[in-house]
Amino acid sequence: MNYYVYVLKSKIKNHFYIGITNNLERRLKEHNLGNICWTKRYKPWDILYTETMGNKIEARKREKYLKSHSGRKWLKKNIKPL
């Protein structure tokens, strides 16, 4: 089963959220409905970036990297606008 690593950007604030899911549409809807504790304060959200991974373990590793200092630098360099 494929998993997705995703980066969301708030439409109202300069906030970003990085996560994983196996259903991108459902997860974005959950964020925008306010069902996710951290993201409900900054909704609505847009998907800024996604990567498809082969399994949950690969997705978690990539998520962890993107949340690290070097991962955030990579996002700023490669994904516009951050």
N, C-alpha and C. Protein backbone atom coordinates (compact mmCIF):
# COMPACT_ATOMS: atom_id res chain seq x y z
N MET A 1 0.84 -1.18 0.00
CA MET A 1 0.00 0.00 0.00
C MET A 1 0.88 1.25 0.00
N ASN A 2 0.58 2.18 -0.87
CA ASN A 2 1.33 3.44 -0.93
C ASN A 2 0.97 4.36 0.22
N TYR A 3 1.96 5.09 0.67
CA TYR A 3 1.77 6.15 1.66
C TYR A 3 2.30 7.44 1.06
N TYR A 4 1.77 8.54 1.53
CA TYR A 4 2.16 9.85 1.02
C TYR A 4 2.74 10.68 2.14
N VAL A 5 3.87 11.30 1.86
CA VAL A 5 4.43 12.31 2.74
C VAL A 5 3.96 13.63 2.15
N TYR A 6 3.42 14.49 2.99
CA TYR A 6 2.85 15.72 2.47
C TYR A 6 3.27 16.92 3.30
N VAL A 7 3.30 18.07 2.64
CA VAL A 7 3.57 19.34 3.30
C VAL A 7 2.37 20.23 3.02
N LEU A 8 1.78 20.74 4.10
CA LEU A 8 0.66 21.67 3.98
C LEU A 8 1.14 23.07 4.32
N LYS A 9 0.50 24.06 3.70
CA LYS A 9 0.75 25.46 4.03
C LYS A 9 -0.58 26.11 4.38
N SER A 10 -0.60 26.80 5.50
CA SER A 10 -1.79 27.51 5.92
C SER A 10 -2.09 28.65 4.96
N LYS A 11 -3.37 28.85 4.65
CA LYS A 11 -3.76 29.96 3.77
C LYS A 11 -3.78 31.29 4.51
N ILE A 12 -3.83 31.26 5.85
CA ILE A 12 -3.96 32.51 6.60
C ILE A 12 -2.70 32.91 7.37
N LYS A 13 -1.83 31.99 7.67
CA LYS A 13 -0.60 32.27 8.41
C LYS A 13 0.56 31.62 7.67
N ASN A 14 1.76 31.99 8.04
CA ASN A 14 2.94 31.39 7.43
C ASN A 14 3.35 30.16 8.23
N HIS A 15 2.44 29.17 8.29
CA HIS A 15 2.69 27.93 9.02
C HIS A 15 2.66 26.77 8.04
N PHE A 16 3.47 25.75 8.37
CA PHE A 16 3.56 24.56 7.55
C PHE A 16 3.34 23.35 8.43
N TYR A 17 2.86 22.26 7.82
CA TYR A 17 2.65 21.01 8.54
C TYR A 17 3.15 19.89 7.65
N ILE A 18 3.91 18.97 8.22
CA ILE A 18 4.44 17.82 7.49
C ILE A 18 3.86 16.57 8.12
N GLY A 19 3.32 15.67 7.30
CA GLY A 19 2.74 14.44 7.82
C GLY A 19 2.74 13.34 6.79
N ILE A 20 2.16 12.19 7.17
CA ILE A 20 2.01 11.06 6.25
C ILE A 20 0.58 10.56 6.31
N THR A 21 0.16 9.91 5.23
CA THR A 21 -1.17 9.32 5.16
C THR A 21 -1.21 8.30 4.04
N ASN A 22 -2.22 7.44 4.07
CA ASN A 22 -2.44 6.54 2.94
C ASN A 22 -3.61 7.02 2.09
N ASN A 23 -4.23 8.15 2.48
CA ASN A 23 -5.34 8.73 1.73
C ASN A 23 -5.24 10.26 1.82
N LEU A 24 -4.66 10.84 0.81
CA LEU A 24 -4.35 12.27 0.83
C LEU A 24 -5.61 13.15 0.86
N GLU A 25 -6.61 12.80 0.06
CA GLU A 25 -7.85 13.59 0.04
C GLU A 25 -8.53 13.61 1.40
N ARG A 26 -8.65 12.43 2.01
CA ARG A 26 -9.30 12.33 3.32
C ARG A 26 -8.53 13.12 4.36
N ARG A 27 -7.21 13.00 4.33
CA ARG A 27 -6.39 13.67 5.35
C ARG A 27 -6.47 15.19 5.22
N LEU A 28 -6.43 15.71 4.00
CA LEU A 28 -6.57 17.16 3.81
C LEU A 28 -7.92 17.63 4.32
N LYS A 29 -8.96 16.87 4.05
CA LYS A 29 -10.29 17.21 4.53
C LYS A 29 -10.32 17.26 6.06
N GLU A 30 -9.67 16.28 6.71
CA GLU A 30 -9.61 16.26 8.18
C GLU A 30 -8.91 17.51 8.71
N HIS A 31 -7.83 17.90 8.08
CA HIS A 31 -7.11 19.11 8.50
C HIS A 31 -8.01 20.35 8.34
N ASN A 32 -8.69 20.44 7.21
CA ASN A 32 -9.49 21.64 6.93
C ASN A 32 -10.80 21.69 7.71
N LEU A 33 -11.27 20.55 8.20
CA LEU A 33 -12.47 20.53 9.04
C LEU A 33 -12.15 20.81 10.50
N GLY A 34 -10.86 20.84 10.84
CA GLY A 34 -10.46 21.10 12.22
C GLY A 34 -10.41 19.86 13.08
N ASN A 35 -10.33 18.69 12.47
CA ASN A 35 -10.28 17.42 13.22
C ASN A 35 -8.89 17.08 13.73
N ILE A 36 -7.88 17.81 13.33
CA ILE A 36 -6.51 17.55 13.75
C ILE A 36 -6.10 18.68 14.70
N CYS A 37 -5.70 18.30 15.89
CA CYS A 37 -5.47 19.27 16.97
C CYS A 37 -4.52 20.40 16.57
N TRP A 38 -3.33 20.08 16.10
CA TRP A 38 -2.35 21.13 15.83
C TRP A 38 -2.76 22.02 14.67
N THR A 39 -3.37 21.45 13.64
CA THR A 39 -3.65 22.24 12.43
C THR A 39 -4.95 23.02 12.48
N LYS A 40 -5.82 22.73 13.43
CA LYS A 40 -7.12 23.42 13.43
C LYS A 40 -7.00 24.92 13.67
N ARG A 41 -5.95 25.35 14.34
CA ARG A 41 -5.76 26.78 14.61
C ARG A 41 -5.40 27.59 13.37
N TYR A 42 -4.87 26.92 12.35
CA TYR A 42 -4.34 27.64 11.18
C TYR A 42 -5.05 27.27 9.88
N LYS A 43 -6.22 26.68 9.97
CA LYS A 43 -6.95 26.29 8.76
C LYS A 43 -7.50 27.52 8.05
N PRO A 44 -7.73 27.46 6.77
CA PRO A 44 -7.64 26.32 5.88
C PRO A 44 -6.21 26.09 5.37
N TRP A 45 -6.00 24.89 4.85
CA TRP A 45 -4.69 24.45 4.39
C TRP A 45 -4.72 24.11 2.91
N ASP A 46 -3.58 24.29 2.26
CA ASP A 46 -3.35 23.83 0.88
C ASP A 46 -2.21 22.84 0.89
N ILE A 47 -2.27 21.88 -0.02
CA ILE A 47 -1.15 20.95 -0.18
C ILE A 47 -0.07 21.68 -0.98
N LEU A 48 1.10 21.76 -0.39
CA LEU A 48 2.24 22.43 -1.03
C LEU A 48 3.13 21.42 -1.76
N TYR A 49 3.23 20.20 -1.21
CA TYR A 49 4.18 19.22 -1.74
C TYR A 49 3.77 17.83 -1.29
N THR A 50 3.94 16.83 -2.16
CA THR A 50 3.71 15.43 -1.79
C THR A 50 4.79 14.54 -2.39
N GLU A 51 5.04 13.43 -1.73
CA GLU A 51 5.89 12.36 -2.25
C GLU A 51 5.16 11.05 -2.00
N THR A 52 5.22 10.14 -2.95
CA THR A 52 4.62 8.82 -2.80
C THR A 52 5.70 7.85 -2.37
N MET A 53 5.42 7.10 -1.29
CA MET A 53 6.36 6.12 -0.77
C MET A 53 5.72 4.74 -0.85
N GLY A 54 6.54 3.70 -0.92
CA GLY A 54 6.06 2.34 -1.09
C GLY A 54 5.40 1.74 0.14
N ASN A 55 5.75 2.23 1.32
CA ASN A 55 5.17 1.69 2.54
C ASN A 55 5.27 2.71 3.67
N LYS A 56 4.65 2.37 4.80
CA LYS A 56 4.58 3.29 5.93
C LYS A 56 5.95 3.57 6.54
N ILE A 57 6.82 2.56 6.58
CA ILE A 57 8.14 2.74 7.17
C ILE A 57 8.96 3.75 6.36
N GLU A 58 8.95 3.62 5.03
CA GLU A 58 9.65 4.59 4.18
C GLU A 58 9.07 5.99 4.36
N ALA A 59 7.76 6.06 4.45
CA ALA A 59 7.10 7.36 4.61
C ALA A 59 7.49 8.01 5.94
N ARG A 60 7.54 7.24 7.01
CA ARG A 60 7.93 7.79 8.33
C ARG A 60 9.37 8.31 8.30
N LYS A 61 10.26 7.55 7.64
CA LYS A 61 11.65 8.00 7.54
C LYS A 61 11.76 9.32 6.80
N ARG A 62 11.02 9.44 5.69
CA ARG A 62 11.05 10.67 4.91
C ARG A 62 10.42 11.83 5.68
N GLU A 63 9.32 11.55 6.37
CA GLU A 63 8.68 12.57 7.20
C GLU A 63 9.66 13.08 8.27
N LYS A 64 10.34 12.16 8.92
CA LYS A 64 11.30 12.53 9.96
C LYS A 64 12.41 13.40 9.37
N TYR A 65 12.89 13.03 8.18
CA TYR A 65 13.93 13.83 7.53
C TYR A 65 13.41 15.24 7.22
N LEU A 66 12.22 15.33 6.62
CA LEU A 66 11.69 16.64 6.23
C LEU A 66 11.44 17.54 7.44
N LYS A 67 11.21 16.95 8.60
CA LYS A 67 11.00 17.73 9.82
C LYS A 67 12.33 18.14 10.47
N SER A 68 13.43 17.55 10.02
CA SER A 68 14.74 17.88 10.57
C SER A 68 15.23 19.21 10.00
N HIS A 69 16.30 19.73 10.58
CA HIS A 69 16.88 20.99 10.10
C HIS A 69 17.30 20.88 8.63
N SER A 70 18.00 19.80 8.29
CA SER A 70 18.45 19.65 6.90
C SER A 70 17.27 19.41 5.96
N GLY A 71 16.24 18.73 6.43
CA GLY A 71 15.05 18.51 5.61
C GLY A 71 14.31 19.81 5.32
N ARG A 72 14.22 20.66 6.32
CA ARG A 72 13.56 21.96 6.12
C ARG A 72 14.38 22.83 5.16
N LYS A 73 15.70 22.75 5.24
CA LYS A 73 16.55 23.47 4.29
C LYS A 73 16.31 22.94 2.88
N TRP A 74 16.18 21.61 2.73
CA TRP A 74 15.91 21.01 1.43
C TRP A 74 14.58 21.53 0.88
N LEU A 75 13.55 21.56 1.74
CA LEU A 75 12.25 22.06 1.30
C LEU A 75 12.33 23.51 0.84
N LYS A 76 13.03 24.35 1.60
CA LYS A 76 13.15 25.76 1.23
C LYS A 76 13.87 25.94 -0.10
N LYS A 77 14.85 25.08 -0.35
CA LYS A 77 15.63 25.17 -1.58
C LYS A 77 14.83 24.65 -2.79
N ASN A 78 14.05 23.60 -2.59
CA ASN A 78 13.43 22.90 -3.72
C ASN A 78 11.94 23.15 -3.92
N ILE A 79 11.26 23.64 -2.91
CA ILE A 79 9.82 23.84 -3.01
C ILE A 79 9.52 25.33 -2.87
N LYS A 80 8.85 25.89 -3.82
CA LYS A 80 8.51 27.31 -3.79
C LYS A 80 7.01 27.45 -3.63
N PRO A 81 6.49 28.38 -2.92
CA PRO A 81 7.17 29.31 -2.02
C PRO A 81 7.15 28.79 -0.60
N LEU A 82 8.29 28.78 0.05
CA LEU A 82 8.38 28.40 1.47
C LEU A 82 8.79 29.60 2.28
